[in-house]
């Protein structure tokens, strides 16, 4: 693994540790968030070194039993490599997602043309209601109850001095976009990027990402990256803005 990828993984480890308890065992780390046990992105097993197909089969069997014993109704695995399509043919009730990582350079950020009427501010107590409403508007799959609970869990971290910050994109003081900003050791991750569905394709996201990337570089970070589900159209936007693909991982979720 090259140095850039190592820095990315190191920052992600710090990011998850702000929400979750980590349990290391050999090649893997298990993450648990006791306050949000139903949240897949906070309760998963991260495998950081490639496994053979037999090793992966054995791991899946053991992790399924472990999560069941702890009362979970799902198992999420993150694999730091791209899994072959036929590797999971014998498993039912699973979903497989490839996650792509994109980096942007200062020259690419400077070349981005964006609208100038968007203000970006760090989330504070004064804007919690607006941020909550935006989060609910952008949710496309989960229940309203879960969405509210997830927002409250993240809010605990956002309002602390340590951990990721959340930034809002404002148009005439209406929150129309948001993105997490987390930086350590000259590396910055932009995460959970959303735009109000009513305002998509109007340059809101471009302005938000440009401003946050400029902030990251101005604060001394020389590696700025964002993640994208390989099935979603956001990756096309990132590429148009000048983000370059660095690496790809696989996420597998089993439900039971």
Protein backbone atom coordinates (compact mmCIF):
# COMPACT_ATOMS: atom_id res chain seq x y z
CA UNK A 1 0.00 0.00 0.00
CA UNK A 2 1.41 3.38 -0.97
CA UNK A 3 1.92 6.29 1.42
CA UNK A 4 -1.10 8.25 0.17
CA UNK A 5 -3.47 5.34 0.75
CA UNK A 6 -1.95 4.76 4.17
CA UNK A 7 -2.64 8.38 5.10
CA UNK A 8 -6.23 8.05 3.96
CA UNK A 9 -6.79 4.90 5.98
CA UNK A 10 -5.10 6.43 9.00
CA UNK A 11 -7.41 9.44 8.90
CA UNK A 12 -10.47 7.23 8.48
CA UNK A 13 -9.43 5.28 11.56
CA UNK A 14 -9.32 8.53 13.52
CA UNK A 15 -12.69 9.57 12.07
CA UNK A 16 -14.44 6.36 13.09
CA UNK A 17 -12.86 6.44 16.55
CA UNK A 18 -14.77 9.66 17.29
CA UNK A 19 -18.07 7.77 16.97
CA UNK A 20 -17.19 4.14 17.64
CA UNK A 21 -15.32 1.74 19.89
CA UNK A 22 -12.68 -0.18 17.95
CA UNK A 23 -11.68 -3.79 18.68
CA UNK A 24 -8.49 -4.91 16.92
CA UNK A 25 -7.84 -8.54 16.06
CA UNK A 26 -5.06 -9.42 13.65
CA UNK A 27 -5.90 -8.19 10.15
CA UNK A 28 -9.22 -6.66 11.15
CA UNK A 29 -10.88 -4.09 13.39
CA UNK A 30 -14.46 -4.36 14.62
CA UNK A 31 -16.31 -1.10 15.24
CA UNK A 32 -19.29 -0.68 17.53
CA UNK A 33 -21.43 2.35 18.35
CA UNK A 34 -23.48 1.42 21.39
CA UNK A 35 -25.67 4.50 20.94
CA UNK A 36 -26.59 3.62 17.33
CA UNK A 37 -26.49 -0.17 17.04
CA UNK A 38 -28.75 -0.07 13.96
CA UNK A 39 -26.43 2.26 12.03
CA UNK A 40 -24.41 0.27 9.50
CA UNK A 41 -21.69 2.87 9.01
CA UNK A 42 -20.87 2.85 12.75
CA UNK A 43 -21.04 -0.91 13.32
CA UNK A 44 -18.87 -2.90 10.94
CA UNK A 45 -15.82 -5.10 10.56
CA UNK A 46 -12.90 -3.56 8.68
CA UNK A 47 -10.52 -6.00 6.97
CA UNK A 48 -7.37 -4.17 5.95
CA UNK A 49 -5.35 -6.89 4.20
CA UNK A 50 -6.52 -9.07 1.28
CA UNK A 51 -7.80 -12.57 2.03
CA UNK A 52 -8.05 -15.65 -0.12
CA UNK A 53 -11.57 -16.79 -1.03
CA UNK A 54 -11.42 -19.55 1.59
CA UNK A 55 -10.18 -17.10 4.24
CA UNK A 56 -12.97 -14.68 3.37
CA UNK A 57 -15.59 -17.45 3.56
CA UNK A 58 -14.30 -18.45 6.99
CA UNK A 59 -14.26 -14.83 8.17
CA UNK A 60 -17.83 -14.19 7.00
CA UNK A 61 -19.09 -17.24 8.86
CA UNK A 62 -17.39 -16.21 12.11
CA UNK A 63 -18.41 -12.55 11.88
CA UNK A 64 -22.03 -13.45 11.12
CA UNK A 65 -22.17 -15.53 14.29
CA UNK A 66 -20.40 -12.88 16.34
CA UNK A 67 -22.80 -10.11 15.30
CA UNK A 68 -25.82 -12.35 15.83
CA UNK A 69 -24.59 -13.22 19.33
CA UNK A 70 -24.33 -9.50 20.11
CA UNK A 71 -27.92 -8.90 19.01
CA UNK A 72 -27.28 -7.30 15.63
CA UNK A 73 -29.54 -7.91 12.64
CA UNK A 74 -26.83 -7.24 10.08
CA UNK A 75 -23.15 -7.69 9.37
CA UNK A 76 -21.26 -5.05 7.45
CA UNK A 77 -17.78 -5.78 6.16
CA UNK A 78 -15.36 -3.26 4.72
CA UNK A 79 -12.62 -4.80 2.59
CA UNK A 80 -9.66 -2.68 1.52
CA UNK A 81 -9.57 -4.26 -1.92
CA UNK A 82 -11.98 -4.77 -4.83
CA UNK A 83 -13.80 -8.06 -4.46
CA UNK A 84 -14.36 -10.32 -7.46
CA UNK A 85 -18.02 -10.40 -8.49
CA UNK A 86 -18.40 -14.18 -8.08
CA UNK A 87 -16.84 -14.34 -4.60
CA UNK A 88 -20.21 -14.12 -2.81
CA UNK A 89 -22.48 -16.13 -5.09
CA UNK A 90 -23.38 -18.56 -2.29
CA UNK A 91 -24.72 -15.87 0.07
CA UNK A 92 -28.29 -14.58 0.18
CA UNK A 93 -29.61 -11.26 1.50
CA UNK A 94 -26.42 -9.35 0.80
CA UNK A 95 -25.58 -6.07 -0.87
CA UNK A 96 -22.17 -5.22 -2.31
CA UNK A 97 -20.97 -1.66 -2.89
CA UNK A 98 -17.69 -0.38 -4.27
CA UNK A 99 -16.47 2.84 -2.67
CA UNK A 100 -14.17 5.07 -4.69
CA UNK A 101 -11.77 7.62 -3.21
CA UNK A 102 -11.02 10.86 -5.03
CA UNK A 103 -8.29 13.42 -4.41
CA UNK A 104 -8.17 17.03 -5.55
CA UNK A 105 -5.11 19.24 -6.00
CA UNK A 106 -4.86 23.00 -5.26
CA UNK A 107 -4.62 23.92 -8.96
CA UNK A 108 -7.85 22.05 -9.68
CA UNK A 109 -9.62 23.82 -6.84
CA UNK A 110 -8.45 27.20 -8.13
CA UNK A 111 -9.83 26.36 -11.57
CA UNK A 112 -13.35 25.61 -10.30
CA UNK A 113 -15.86 28.25 -11.32
CA UNK A 114 -18.66 28.52 -8.79
CA UNK A 115 -21.49 30.83 -7.83
CA UNK A 116 -20.59 33.55 -5.35
CA UNK A 117 -23.87 33.89 -3.44
CA UNK A 118 -23.30 30.79 -1.28
CA UNK A 119 -22.04 31.28 2.26
CA UNK A 120 -20.48 28.35 4.09
CA UNK A 121 -20.52 28.29 7.90
CA UNK A 122 -19.57 25.81 10.57
CA UNK A 123 -22.54 24.20 12.30
CA UNK A 124 -23.25 25.74 15.70
CA UNK A 125 -26.06 25.70 18.24
CA UNK A 126 -27.72 28.55 16.32
CA UNK A 127 -28.20 26.47 13.15
CA UNK A 128 -29.12 23.05 14.55
CA UNK A 129 -32.78 23.22 13.53
CA UNK A 130 -31.88 24.20 9.97
CA UNK A 131 -29.28 21.44 9.76
CA UNK A 132 -31.74 18.86 11.09
CA UNK A 133 -34.37 19.87 8.53
CA UNK A 134 -31.82 19.63 5.71
CA UNK A 135 -30.74 16.17 6.88
CA UNK A 136 -34.33 14.98 6.81
CA UNK A 137 -34.93 16.45 3.35
CA UNK A 138 -31.85 14.68 1.96
CA UNK A 139 -32.68 11.27 3.39
CA UNK A 140 -33.76 8.90 0.65
CA UNK A 141 -34.05 5.49 2.28
CA UNK A 142 -34.25 5.40 6.05
CA UNK A 143 -37.20 6.09 8.32
CA UNK A 144 -37.74 9.55 9.79
CA UNK A 145 -37.23 8.13 13.30
CA UNK A 146 -33.85 6.67 12.35
CA UNK A 147 -32.82 9.85 10.52
CA UNK A 148 -33.55 11.98 13.58
CA UNK A 149 -31.67 9.61 15.87
CA UNK A 150 -28.67 9.52 13.51
CA UNK A 151 -28.57 13.30 13.32
CA UNK A 152 -28.62 13.62 17.11
CA UNK A 153 -25.76 11.11 17.37
CA UNK A 154 -23.63 13.04 14.91
CA UNK A 155 -24.56 16.34 16.52
CA UNK A 156 -22.93 15.20 19.77
CA UNK A 157 -19.62 15.03 17.90
CA UNK A 158 -20.10 18.07 15.68
CA UNK A 159 -20.49 20.40 18.66
CA UNK A 160 -17.36 19.13 20.42
CA UNK A 161 -13.89 20.62 19.96
CA UNK A 162 -12.48 17.32 18.69
CA UNK A 163 -13.66 15.20 15.79
CA UNK A 164 -15.28 16.13 12.48
CA UNK A 165 -16.99 19.46 11.95
CA UNK A 166 -20.09 19.93 9.84
CA UNK A 167 -20.39 22.85 7.44
CA UNK A 168 -23.60 24.24 5.98
CA UNK A 169 -24.05 25.90 2.60
CA UNK A 170 -26.43 28.83 2.97
CA UNK A 171 -28.45 30.53 0.26
CA UNK A 172 -30.14 33.63 1.67
CA UNK A 173 -29.68 32.04 5.12
CA UNK A 174 -31.47 28.84 4.14
CA UNK A 175 -29.40 25.67 4.65
CA UNK A 176 -29.28 24.02 1.23
CA UNK A 177 -26.18 21.82 1.52
CA UNK A 178 -23.87 20.26 4.08
CA UNK A 179 -20.57 18.41 4.34
CA UNK A 180 -18.37 17.01 7.10
CA UNK A 181 -14.80 18.31 7.35
CA UNK A 182 -12.18 16.28 9.22
CA UNK A 183 -8.47 17.03 9.12
CA UNK A 184 -5.41 15.71 10.94
CA UNK A 185 -1.72 15.32 10.08
CA UNK A 186 -1.96 17.36 6.86
CA UNK A 187 -4.77 15.17 5.52
CA UNK A 188 -8.40 16.24 5.10
CA UNK A 189 -11.49 14.16 4.43
CA UNK A 190 -14.74 15.63 3.10
CA UNK A 191 -17.58 13.31 4.07
CA UNK A 192 -21.39 13.03 4.09
CA UNK A 193 -21.78 15.61 1.32
CA UNK A 194 -25.45 16.43 0.61
CA UNK A 195 -27.52 19.04 -1.20
CA UNK A 196 -31.23 19.72 -0.71
CA UNK A 197 -33.00 17.87 -3.57
CA UNK A 198 -34.85 21.07 -4.51
CA UNK A 199 -31.52 22.86 -5.12
CA UNK A 200 -29.51 20.17 -6.90
CA UNK A 201 -27.84 20.90 -10.23
CA UNK A 202 -27.76 24.61 -9.41
CA UNK A 203 -24.10 24.92 -8.40
CA UNK A 204 -24.67 24.62 -4.64
CA UNK A 205 -22.53 21.52 -4.25
CA UNK A 206 -19.77 22.93 -6.43
CA UNK A 207 -19.56 26.08 -4.31
CA UNK A 208 -19.58 24.10 -1.06
CA UNK A 209 -16.82 21.72 -2.12
CA UNK A 210 -14.67 24.53 -3.55
CA UNK A 211 -14.89 26.55 -0.34
CA UNK A 212 -14.12 23.57 1.91
CA UNK A 213 -11.22 22.41 -0.28
CA UNK A 214 -9.77 25.94 -0.23
CA UNK A 215 -10.11 25.92 3.56
CA UNK A 216 -8.34 22.56 3.79
CA UNK A 217 -5.36 23.69 1.71
CA UNK A 218 -5.15 27.07 3.46
CA UNK A 219 -4.81 25.24 6.78
CA UNK A 220 -1.78 23.28 5.59
CA UNK A 221 -3.32 20.04 4.36
CA UNK A 222 -1.67 18.64 1.25
CA UNK A 223 -4.01 15.67 0.80
CA UNK A 224 -7.74 16.40 0.41
CA UNK A 225 -10.09 13.57 -0.52
CA UNK A 226 -13.73 12.54 -0.69
CA UNK A 227 -15.44 9.15 -1.01
CA UNK A 228 -18.17 8.15 -3.46
CA UNK A 229 -20.40 5.15 -3.95
CA UNK A 230 -19.44 3.81 -7.39
CA UNK A 231 -23.15 3.49 -8.27
CA UNK A 232 -24.05 7.12 -7.55
CA UNK A 233 -23.86 10.13 -9.84
CA UNK A 234 -21.91 12.24 -7.29
CA UNK A 235 -18.68 10.66 -8.55
CA UNK A 236 -19.29 12.20 -11.96
CA UNK A 237 -19.54 15.63 -10.34
CA UNK A 238 -16.28 15.08 -8.45
CA UNK A 239 -14.50 14.09 -11.64
CA UNK A 240 -15.78 17.18 -13.47
CA UNK A 241 -14.44 19.37 -10.65
CA UNK A 242 -10.98 17.84 -10.99
CA UNK A 243 -10.98 15.10 -8.36
CA UNK A 244 -8.81 12.16 -9.39
CA UNK A 245 -9.50 8.57 -8.35
CA UNK A 246 -6.96 7.14 -5.91
CA UNK A 247 -8.26 3.84 -4.59
CA UNK A 248 -11.31 1.63 -4.25
CA UNK A 249 -12.71 -0.55 -1.48
CA UNK A 250 -15.61 -3.00 -1.15
CA UNK A 251 -18.44 -2.88 1.38
CA UNK A 252 -20.67 -5.92 1.94
CA UNK A 253 -23.79 -5.93 4.08
CA UNK A 254 -25.60 -9.10 5.14
CA UNK A 255 -29.04 -8.87 6.74
CA UNK A 256 -30.55 -11.56 8.94
